[in-house]
Amino acid sequence: PAGVFSADVLVEPAEKDLYAAMDRVGALARGHFERGDYERALSELAALRSAVDGFFDTVMVNAEDLALRNNRLWLLKDLHTDMNRVADLSKLAA
């Protein structure tokens, strides 16, 4: 996505909820990861499930508004980065 993420561009309650949850949980998970406690880091990130579900249930990621679309893609990119810091989740699908 072009540009950078901005919390000011968030519109839908579900995307605001996901951002708030990621902000709250992300720092905890990163701390556990840096101390080598990968299981606890992944457990912290698992707490994002309801916010992620709510986001995908109610938010149109590919919005017509390009700035909004890119911001949502950046939010998801940040989520992907946090999750893959602990484990390459794409390997679980095999």
PDB file of N, CA and C in Angstrom:
ATOM      1  N   PRO A   1       0.823  -1.204   0.000  1.00  0.00           N
ATOM      2  CA  PRO A   1       0.000   0.000   0.000  1.00  0.00           C
ATOM      3  C   PRO A   1       0.861   1.259   0.000  1.00  0.00           C
ATOM      4  N   ALA A   2       0.353   2.273  -0.622  1.00  0.00           N
ATOM      5  CA  ALA A   2       1.073   3.543  -0.687  1.00  0.00           C
ATOM      6  C   ALA A   2       0.872   4.315   0.609  1.00  0.00           C
ATOM      7  N   GLY A   3       1.817   5.204   0.904  1.00  0.00           N
ATOM      8  CA  GLY A   3       1.696   6.066   2.072  1.00  0.00           C
ATOM      9  C   GLY A   3       2.090   5.366   3.352  1.00  0.00           C
ATOM     10  N   VAL A   4       1.563   5.862   4.460  1.00  0.00           N
ATOM     11  CA  VAL A   4       1.831   5.294   5.779  1.00  0.00           C
ATOM     12  C   VAL A   4       0.517   5.202   6.549  1.00  0.00           C
ATOM     13  N   PHE A   5       0.493   4.366   7.559  1.00  0.00           N
ATOM     14  CA  PHE A   5      -0.703   4.223   8.382  1.00  0.00           C
ATOM     15  C   PHE A   5      -0.932   5.479   9.213  1.00  0.00           C
ATOM     16  N   SER A   6      -2.202   5.849   9.363  1.00  0.00           N
ATOM     17  CA  SER A   6      -2.579   6.970  10.215  1.00  0.00           C
ATOM     18  C   SER A   6      -3.856   6.620  10.968  1.00  0.00           C
ATOM     19  N   ALA A   7      -3.802   6.658  12.287  1.00  0.00           N
ATOM     20  CA  ALA A   7      -4.988   6.385  13.094  1.00  0.00           C
ATOM     21  C   ALA A   7      -6.078   7.418  12.837  1.00  0.00           C
ATOM     22  N   ASP A   8      -5.699   8.597  12.381  1.00  0.00           N
ATOM     23  CA  ASP A   8      -6.670   9.661  12.105  1.00  0.00           C
ATOM     24  C   ASP A   8      -7.594   9.323  10.939  1.00  0.00           C
ATOM     25  N   VAL A   9      -7.198   8.388  10.088  1.00  0.00           N
ATOM     26  CA  VAL A   9      -7.991   8.040   8.905  1.00  0.00           C
ATOM     27  C   VAL A   9      -9.026   6.953   9.219  1.00  0.00           C
ATOM     28  N   LEU A  10      -8.917   6.312  10.371  1.00  0.00           N
ATOM     29  CA  LEU A  10      -9.854   5.251  10.736  1.00  0.00           C
ATOM     30  C   LEU A  10     -11.271   5.807  10.833  1.00  0.00           C
ATOM     31  N   VAL A  11     -12.229   5.058  10.273  1.00  0.00           N
ATOM     32  CA  VAL A  11     -13.614   5.521  10.211  1.00  0.00           C
ATOM     33  C   VAL A  11     -14.554   4.570  10.955  1.00  0.00           C
ATOM     34  N   GLU A  12     -14.510   3.307  10.594  1.00  0.00           N
ATOM     35  CA  GLU A  12     -15.442   2.310  11.125  1.00  0.00           C
ATOM     36  C   GLU A  12     -15.072   1.923  12.564  1.00  0.00           C
ATOM     37  N   PRO A  13     -16.086   1.704  13.414  1.00  0.00           N
ATOM     38  CA  PRO A  13     -15.795   1.280  14.787  1.00  0.00           C
ATOM     39  C   PRO A  13     -14.922   0.023  14.855  1.00  0.00           C
ATOM     40  N   ALA A  14     -15.150  -0.937  13.973  1.00  0.00           N
ATOM     41  CA  ALA A  14     -14.384  -2.189  14.012  1.00  0.00           C
ATOM     42  C   ALA A  14     -12.916  -1.969  13.682  1.00  0.00           C
ATOM     43  N   GLU A  15     -12.603  -1.025  12.791  1.00  0.00           N
ATOM     44  CA  GLU A  15     -11.190  -0.784  12.493  1.00  0.00           C
ATOM     45  C   GLU A  15     -10.538  -0.006  13.630  1.00  0.00           C
ATOM     46  N   LYS A  16     -11.294   0.858  14.277  1.00  0.00           N
ATOM     47  CA  LYS A  16     -10.778   1.566  15.452  1.00  0.00           C
ATOM     48  C   LYS A  16     -10.530   0.581  16.589  1.00  0.00           C
ATOM     49  N   ASP A  17     -11.452  -0.379  16.751  1.00  0.00           N
ATOM     50  CA  ASP A  17     -11.296  -1.407  17.783  1.00  0.00           C
ATOM     51  C   ASP A  17     -10.065  -2.266  17.521  1.00  0.00           C
ATOM     52  N   LEU A  18      -9.862  -2.657  16.262  1.00  0.00           N
ATOM     53  CA  LEU A  18      -8.696  -3.473  15.926  1.00  0.00           C
ATOM     54  C   LEU A  18      -7.413  -2.702  16.198  1.00  0.00           C
ATOM     55  N   TYR A  19      -7.372  -1.448  15.796  1.00  0.00           N
ATOM     56  CA  TYR A  19      -6.180  -0.631  16.039  1.00  0.00           C
ATOM     57  C   TYR A  19      -5.899  -0.519  17.541  1.00  0.00           C
ATOM     58  N   ALA A  20      -6.934  -0.244  18.336  1.00  0.00           N
ATOM     59  CA  ALA A  20      -6.753  -0.112  19.785  1.00  0.00           C
ATOM     60  C   ALA A  20      -6.263  -1.424  20.395  1.00  0.00           C
ATOM     61  N   ALA A  21      -6.837  -2.536  19.952  1.00  0.00           N
ATOM     62  CA  ALA A  21      -6.417  -3.842  20.464  1.00  0.00           C
ATOM     63  C   ALA A  21      -4.975  -4.142  20.073  1.00  0.00           C
ATOM     64  N   MET A  22      -4.609  -3.829  18.832  1.00  0.00           N
ATOM     65  CA  MET A  22      -3.235  -4.058  18.380  1.00  0.00           C
ATOM     66  C   MET A  22      -2.264  -3.189  19.160  1.00  0.00           C
ATOM     67  N   ASP A  23      -2.645  -1.959  19.435  1.00  0.00           N
ATOM     68  CA  ASP A  23      -1.788  -1.045  20.187  1.00  0.00           C
ATOM     69  C   ASP A  23      -1.573  -1.572  21.602  1.00  0.00           C
ATOM     70  N   ARG A  24      -2.628  -2.070  22.209  1.00  0.00           N
ATOM     71  CA  ARG A  24      -2.584  -2.577  23.577  1.00  0.00           C
ATOM     72  C   ARG A  24      -1.793  -3.888  23.654  1.00  0.00           C
ATOM     73  N   VAL A  25      -2.074  -4.804  22.752  1.00  0.00           N
ATOM     74  CA  VAL A  25      -1.493  -6.148  22.793  1.00  0.00           C
ATOM     75  C   VAL A  25      -0.105  -6.200  22.160  1.00  0.00           C
ATOM     76  N   GLY A  26       0.115  -5.391  21.133  1.00  0.00           N
ATOM     77  CA  GLY A  26       1.371  -5.445  20.386  1.00  0.00           C
ATOM     78  C   GLY A  26       2.600  -5.237  21.239  1.00  0.00           C
ATOM     79  N   ALA A  27       2.561  -4.246  22.123  1.00  0.00           N
ATOM     80  CA  ALA A  27       3.718  -3.967  22.973  1.00  0.00           C
ATOM     81  C   ALA A  27       3.990  -5.131  23.922  1.00  0.00           C
ATOM     82  N   LEU A  28       2.935  -5.713  24.469  1.00  0.00           N
ATOM     83  CA  LEU A  28       3.109  -6.870  25.355  1.00  0.00           C
ATOM     84  C   LEU A  28       3.721  -8.042  24.599  1.00  0.00           C
ATOM     85  N   ALA A  29       3.184  -8.325  23.424  1.00  0.00           N
ATOM     86  CA  ALA A  29       3.679  -9.452  22.626  1.00  0.00           C
ATOM     87  C   ALA A  29       5.133  -9.238  22.228  1.00  0.00           C
ATOM     88  N   ARG A  30       5.472  -8.014  21.815  1.00  0.00           N
ATOM     89  CA  ARG A  30       6.867  -7.734  21.438  1.00  0.00           C
ATOM     90  C   ARG A  30       7.804  -7.930  22.622  1.00  0.00           C
ATOM     91  N   GLY A  31       7.371  -7.514  23.805  1.00  0.00           N
ATOM     92  CA  GLY A  31       8.189  -7.705  25.007  1.00  0.00           C
ATOM     93  C   GLY A  31       8.448  -9.175  25.283  1.00  0.00           C
ATOM     94  N   HIS A  32       7.411  -9.989  25.198  1.00  0.00           N
ATOM     95  CA  HIS A  32       7.577 -11.437  25.405  1.00  0.00           C
ATOM     96  C   HIS A  32       8.496 -12.024  24.340  1.00  0.00           C
ATOM     97  N   PHE A  33       8.315 -11.585  23.103  1.00  0.00           N
ATOM     98  CA  PHE A  33       9.144 -12.085  22.009  1.00  0.00           C
ATOM     99  C   PHE A  33      10.614 -11.761  22.258  1.00  0.00           C
ATOM    100  N   GLU A  34      10.893 -10.522  22.645  1.00  0.00           N
ATOM    101  CA  GLU A  34      12.281 -10.101  22.871  1.00  0.00           C
ATOM    102  C   GLU A  34      12.929 -10.866  24.015  1.00  0.00           C
ATOM    103  N   ARG A  35      12.125 -11.343  24.971  1.00  0.00           N
ATOM    104  CA  ARG A  35      12.656 -12.147  26.077  1.00  0.00           C
ATOM    105  C   ARG A  35      12.702 -13.639  25.732  1.00  0.00           C
ATOM    106  N   GLY A  36      12.284 -13.978  24.518  1.00  0.00           N
ATOM    107  CA  GLY A  36      12.323 -15.373  24.086  1.00  0.00           C
ATOM    108  C   GLY A  36      11.127 -16.192  24.529  1.00  0.00           C
ATOM    109  N   ASP A  37      10.118 -15.545  25.088  1.00  0.00           N
ATOM    110  CA  ASP A  37       8.918 -16.253  25.531  1.00  0.00           C
ATOM    111  C   ASP A  37       7.901 -16.239  24.387  1.00  0.00           C
ATOM    112  N   TYR A  38       8.157 -17.072  23.386  1.00  0.00           N
ATOM    113  CA  TYR A  38       7.366 -17.073  22.162  1.00  0.00           C
ATOM    114  C   TYR A  38       5.939 -17.571  22.389  1.00  0.00           C
ATOM    115  N   GLU A  39       5.795 -18.541  23.275  1.00  0.00           N
ATOM    116  CA  GLU A  39       4.457 -19.062  23.553  1.00  0.00           C
ATOM    117  C   GLU A  39       3.568 -17.966  24.153  1.00  0.00           C
ATOM    118  N   ARG A  40       4.121 -17.213  25.067  1.00  0.00           N
ATOM    119  CA  ARG A  40       3.341 -16.128  25.685  1.00  0.00           C
ATOM    120  C   ARG A  40       3.074 -15.005  24.685  1.00  0.00           C
ATOM    121  N   ALA A  41       4.040 -14.726  23.825  1.00  0.00           N
ATOM    122  CA  ALA A  41       3.837 -13.705  22.795  1.00  0.00           C
ATOM    123  C   ALA A  41       2.684 -14.104  21.884  1.00  0.00           C
ATOM    124  N   LEU A  42       2.668 -15.351  21.462  1.00  0.00           N
ATOM    125  CA  LEU A  42       1.596 -15.830  20.589  1.00  0.00           C
ATOM    126  C   LEU A  42       0.256 -15.834  21.322  1.00  0.00           C
ATOM    127  N   SER A  43       0.284 -16.166  22.594  1.00  0.00           N
ATOM    128  CA  SER A  43      -0.932 -16.140  23.400  1.00  0.00           C
ATOM    129  C   SER A  43      -1.502 -14.724  23.488  1.00  0.00           C
ATOM    130  N   GLU A  44      -0.641 -13.736  23.666  1.00  0.00           N
ATOM    131  CA  GLU A  44      -1.090 -12.335  23.686  1.00  0.00           C
ATOM    132  C   GLU A  44      -1.743 -11.975  22.354  1.00  0.00           C
ATOM    133  N   LEU A  45      -1.094 -12.357  21.266  1.00  0.00           N
ATOM    134  CA  LEU A  45      -1.618 -12.028  19.940  1.00  0.00           C
ATOM    135  C   LEU A  45      -2.941 -12.736  19.657  1.00  0.00           C
ATOM    136  N   ALA A  46      -3.126 -13.912  20.239  1.00  0.00           N
ATOM    137  CA  ALA A  46      -4.386 -14.641  20.046  1.00  0.00           C
ATOM    138  C   ALA A  46      -5.571 -13.859  20.605  1.00  0.00           C
ATOM    139  N   ALA A  47      -5.303 -12.976  21.552  1.00  0.00           N
ATOM    140  CA  ALA A  47      -6.368 -12.151  22.129  1.00  0.00           C
ATOM    141  C   ALA A  47      -6.948 -11.169  21.111  1.00  0.00           C
ATOM    142  N   LEU A  48      -6.287 -11.013  19.982  1.00  0.00           N
ATOM    143  CA  LEU A  48      -6.774 -10.113  18.935  1.00  0.00           C
ATOM    144  C   LEU A  48      -7.890 -10.740  18.101  1.00  0.00           C
ATOM    145  N   ARG A  49      -8.159 -11.998  18.313  1.00  0.00           N
ATOM    146  CA  ARG A  49      -9.089 -12.707  17.427  1.00  0.00           C
ATOM    147  C   ARG A  49     -10.436 -12.010  17.268  1.00  0.00           C
ATOM    148  N   SER A  50     -11.064 -11.627  18.356  1.00  0.00           N
ATOM    149  CA  SER A  50     -12.398 -11.028  18.235  1.00  0.00           C
ATOM    150  C   SER A  50     -12.342  -9.697  17.499  1.00  0.00           C
ATOM    151  N   ALA A  51     -11.286  -8.916  17.715  1.00  0.00           N
ATOM    152  CA  ALA A  51     -11.143  -7.645  16.998  1.00  0.00           C
ATOM    153  C   ALA A  51     -10.886  -7.888  15.513  1.00  0.00           C
ATOM    154  N   VAL A  52     -10.093  -8.905  15.196  1.00  0.00           N
ATOM    155  CA  VAL A  52      -9.828  -9.246  13.793  1.00  0.00           C
ATOM    156  C   VAL A  52     -11.109  -9.744  13.129  1.00  0.00           C
ATOM    157  N   ASP A  53     -11.841 -10.614  13.819  1.00  0.00           N
ATOM    158  CA  ASP A  53     -13.111 -11.108  13.272  1.00  0.00           C
ATOM    159  C   ASP A  53     -14.075  -9.956  13.019  1.00  0.00           C
ATOM    160  N   GLY A  54     -14.184  -9.052  13.973  1.00  0.00           N
ATOM    161  CA  GLY A  54     -15.068  -7.903  13.816  1.00  0.00           C
ATOM    162  C   GLY A  54     -14.673  -7.030  12.644  1.00  0.00           C
ATOM    163  N   PHE A  55     -13.375  -6.863  12.460  1.00  0.00           N
ATOM    164  CA  PHE A  55     -12.871  -6.068  11.342  1.00  0.00           C
ATOM    165  C   PHE A  55     -13.302  -6.689  10.019  1.00  0.00           C
ATOM    166  N   PHE A  56     -13.034  -7.976   9.839  1.00  0.00           N
ATOM    167  CA  PHE A  56     -13.350  -8.617   8.563  1.00  0.00           C
ATOM    168  C   PHE A  56     -14.851  -8.820   8.358  1.00  0.00           C
ATOM    169  N   ASP A  57     -15.612  -8.872   9.441  1.00  0.00           N
ATOM    170  CA  ASP A  57     -17.067  -9.014   9.313  1.00  0.00           C
ATOM    171  C   ASP A  57     -17.746  -7.722   8.879  1.00  0.00           C
ATOM    172  N   THR A  58     -17.145  -6.571   9.200  1.00  0.00           N
ATOM    173  CA  THR A  58     -17.868  -5.312   8.985  1.00  0.00           C
ATOM    174  C   THR A  58     -17.151  -4.257   8.154  1.00  0.00           C
ATOM    175  N   VAL A  59     -15.866  -4.429   7.894  1.00  0.00           N
ATOM    176  CA  VAL A  59     -15.094  -3.385   7.203  1.00  0.00           C
ATOM    177  C   VAL A  59     -14.780  -3.820   5.773  1.00  0.00           C
ATOM    178  N   MET A  60     -15.046  -2.947   4.824  1.00  0.00           N
ATOM    179  CA  MET A  60     -14.676  -3.182   3.426  1.00  0.00           C
ATOM    180  C   MET A  60     -13.235  -2.695   3.254  1.00  0.00           C
ATOM    181  N   VAL A  61     -12.300  -3.642   3.223  1.00  0.00           N
ATOM    182  CA  VAL A  61     -10.885  -3.273   3.128  1.00  0.00           C
ATOM    183  C   VAL A  61     -10.619  -2.516   1.834  1.00  0.00           C
ATOM    184  N   ASN A  62     -11.128  -3.020   0.727  1.00  0.00           N
ATOM    185  CA  ASN A  62     -10.888  -2.391  -0.575  1.00  0.00           C
ATOM    186  C   ASN A  62     -11.905  -1.287  -0.844  1.00  0.00           C
ATOM    187  N   ALA A  63     -11.911  -0.300   0.031  1.00  0.00           N
ATOM    188  CA  ALA A  63     -12.819   0.838  -0.115  1.00  0.00           C
ATOM    189  C   ALA A  63     -12.493   1.609  -1.390  1.00  0.00           C
ATOM    190  N   GLU A  64     -13.499   2.278  -1.930  1.00  0.00           N
ATOM    191  CA  GLU A  64     -13.283   3.092  -3.131  1.00  0.00           C
ATOM    192  C   GLU A  64     -12.320   4.241  -2.858  1.00  0.00           C
ATOM    193  N   ASP A  65     -12.400   4.813  -1.665  1.00  0.00           N
ATOM    194  CA  ASP A  65     -11.497   5.899  -1.265  1.00  0.00           C
ATOM    195  C   ASP A  65     -10.088   5.320  -1.114  1.00  0.00           C
ATOM    196  N   LEU A  66      -9.183   5.746  -1.963  1.00  0.00           N
ATOM    197  CA  LEU A  66      -7.830   5.183  -2.002  1.00  0.00           C
ATOM    198  C   LEU A  66      -7.081   5.372  -0.685  1.00  0.00           C
ATOM    199  N   ALA A  67      -7.207   6.537  -0.066  1.00  0.00           N
ATOM    200  CA  ALA A  67      -6.516   6.789   1.204  1.00  0.00           C
ATOM    201  C   ALA A  67      -7.030   5.846   2.289  1.00  0.00           C
ATOM    202  N   LEU A  68      -8.335   5.645   2.319  1.00  0.00           N
ATOM    203  CA  LEU A  68      -8.940   4.747   3.296  1.00  0.00           C
ATOM    204  C   LEU A  68      -8.506   3.307   3.044  1.00  0.00           C
ATOM    205  N   ARG A  69      -8.531   2.892   1.774  1.00  0.00           N
ATOM    206  CA  ARG A  69      -8.099   1.536   1.416  1.00  0.00           C
ATOM    207  C   ARG A  69      -6.648   1.300   1.827  1.00  0.00           C
ATOM    208  N   ASN A  70      -5.767   2.222   1.470  1.00  0.00           N
ATOM    209  CA  ASN A  70      -4.353   2.059   1.806  1.00  0.00           C
ATOM    210  C   ASN A  70      -4.132   2.035   3.312  1.00  0.00           C
ATOM    211  N   ASN A  71      -4.872   2.849   4.041  1.00  0.00           N
ATOM    212  CA  ASN A  71      -4.730   2.871   5.492  1.00  0.00           C
ATOM    213  C   ASN A  71      -5.139   1.524   6.093  1.00  0.00           C
ATOM    214  N   ARG A  72      -6.221   0.960   5.575  1.00  0.00           N
ATOM    215  CA  ARG A  72      -6.667  -0.350   6.058  1.00  0.00           C
ATOM    216  C   ARG A  72      -5.659  -1.437   5.710  1.00  0.00           C
ATOM    217  N   LEU A  73      -5.067  -1.351   4.544  1.00  0.00           N
ATOM    218  CA  LEU A  73      -4.036  -2.320   4.163  1.00  0.00           C
ATOM    219  C   LEU A  73      -2.809  -2.186   5.057  1.00  0.00           C
ATOM    220  N   TRP A  74      -2.445  -0.958   5.418  1.00  0.00           N
ATOM    221  CA  TRP A  74      -1.319  -0.757   6.336  1.00  0.00           C
ATOM    222  C   TRP A  74      -1.627  -1.354   7.703  1.00  0.00           C
ATOM    223  N   LEU A  75      -2.854  -1.177   8.171  1.00  0.00           N
ATOM    224  CA  LEU A  75      -3.250  -1.749   9.452  1.00  0.00           C
ATOM    225  C   LEU A  75      -3.088  -3.269   9.420  1.00  0.00           C
ATOM    226  N   LEU A  76      -3.535  -3.890   8.339  1.00  0.00           N
ATOM    227  CA  LEU A  76      -3.398  -5.340   8.203  1.00  0.00           C
ATOM    228  C   LEU A  76      -1.942  -5.763   8.043  1.00  0.00           C
ATOM    229  N   LYS A  77      -1.150  -4.942   7.377  1.00  0.00           N
ATOM    230  CA  LYS A  77       0.281  -5.237   7.239  1.00  0.00           C
ATOM    231  C   LYS A  77       0.953  -5.229   8.612  1.00  0.00           C
ATOM    232  N   ASP A  78       0.580  -4.261   9.444  1.00  0.00           N
ATOM    233  CA  ASP A  78       1.134  -4.211  10.800  1.00  0.00           C
ATOM    234  C   ASP A  78       0.733  -5.446  11.605  1.00  0.00           C
ATOM    235  N   LEU A  79      -0.513  -5.884  11.448  1.00  0.00           N
ATOM    236  CA  LEU A  79      -0.972  -7.096  12.123  1.00  0.00           C
ATOM    237  C   LEU A  79      -0.166  -8.303  11.645  1.00  0.00           C
ATOM    238  N   HIS A  80       0.019  -8.408  10.344  1.00  0.00           N
ATOM    239  CA  HIS A  80       0.797  -9.503   9.755  1.00  0.00           C
ATOM    240  C   HIS A  80       2.226  -9.503  10.299  1.00  0.00           C
ATOM    241  N   THR A  81       2.829  -8.341  10.382  1.00  0.00           N
ATOM    242  CA  THR A  81       4.199  -8.225  10.894  1.00  0.00           C
ATOM    243  C   THR A  81       4.276  -8.704  12.338  1.00  0.00           C
ATOM    244  N   ASP A  82       3.331  -8.265  13.167  1.00  0.00           N
ATOM    245  CA  ASP A  82       3.334  -8.688  14.570  1.00  0.00           C
ATOM    246  C   ASP A  82       3.146 -10.196  14.698  1.00  0.00           C
ATOM    247  N   MET A  83       2.220 -10.757  13.928  1.00  0.00           N
ATOM    248  CA  MET A  83       1.969 -12.197  14.012  1.00  0.00           C
ATOM    249  C   MET A  83       3.171 -13.000  13.515  1.00  0.00           C
ATOM    250  N   ASN A  84       3.774 -12.562  12.426  1.00  0.00           N
ATOM    251  CA  ASN A  84       4.888 -13.320  11.854  1.00  0.00           C
ATOM    252  C   ASN A  84       6.200 -13.110  12.595  1.00  0.00           C
ATOM    253  N   ARG A  85       6.237 -12.168  13.507  1.00  0.00           N
ATOM    254  CA  ARG A  85       7.421 -12.011  14.350  1.00  0.00           C
ATOM    255  C   ARG A  85       7.572 -13.258  15.221  1.00  0.00           C
ATOM    256  N   VAL A  86       6.451 -13.819  15.628  1.00  0.00           N
ATOM    257  CA  VAL A  86       6.452 -14.979  16.516  1.00  0.00           C
ATOM    258  C   VAL A  86       6.540 -16.279  15.735  1.00  0.00           C
ATOM    259  N   ALA A  87       5.776 -16.373  14.646  1.00  0.00           N
ATOM    260  CA  ALA A  87       5.744 -17.614  13.866  1.00  0.00           C
ATOM    261  C   ALA A  87       5.306 -17.307  12.446  1.00  0.00           C
ATOM    262  N   ASP A  88       5.856 -18.045  11.497  1.00  0.00           N
ATOM    263  CA  ASP A  88       5.426 -17.908  10.107  1.00  0.00           C
ATOM    264  C   ASP A  88       4.128 -18.697   9.968  1.00  0.00           C
ATOM    265  N   LEU A  89       3.013 -17.986  10.134  1.00  0.00           N
ATOM    266  CA  LEU A  89       1.714 -18.649  10.162  1.00  0.00           C
ATOM    267  C   LEU A  89       1.333 -19.280   8.833  1.00  0.00           C
ATOM    268  N   SER A  90       1.969 -18.874   7.750  1.00  0.00           N
ATOM    269  CA  SER A  90       1.664 -19.485   6.455  1.00  0.00           C
ATOM    270  C   SER A  90       2.075 -20.956   6.443  1.00  0.00           C
ATOM    271  N   LYS A  91       3.008 -21.333   7.282  1.00  0.00           N
ATOM    272  CA  LYS A  91       3.459 -22.726   7.351  1.00  0.00           C
ATOM    273  C   LYS A  91       2.405 -23.626   7.993  1.00  0.00           C
ATOM    274  N   LEU A  92       1.473 -23.032   8.757  1.00  0.00           N
ATOM    275  CA  LEU A  92       0.445 -23.827   9.429  1.00  0.00           C
ATOM    276  C   LEU A  92      -0.629 -24.318   8.474  1.00  0.00           C
ATOM    277  N   ALA A  93      -0.778 -23.672   7.340  1.00  0.00           N
ATOM    278  CA  ALA A  93      -1.827 -24.030   6.389  1.00  0.00           C
ATOM    279  C   ALA A  93      -1.501 -25.297   5.607  1.00  0.00           C
ATOM    280  N   ALA A  94      -0.267 -25.703   5.593  1.00  0.00           N
ATOM    281  CA  ALA A  94       0.161 -26.844   4.779  1.00  0.00           C
ATOM    282  C   ALA A  94      -0.301 -28.165   5.298  1.00  0.00           C
TER     283      ALA A  94
END
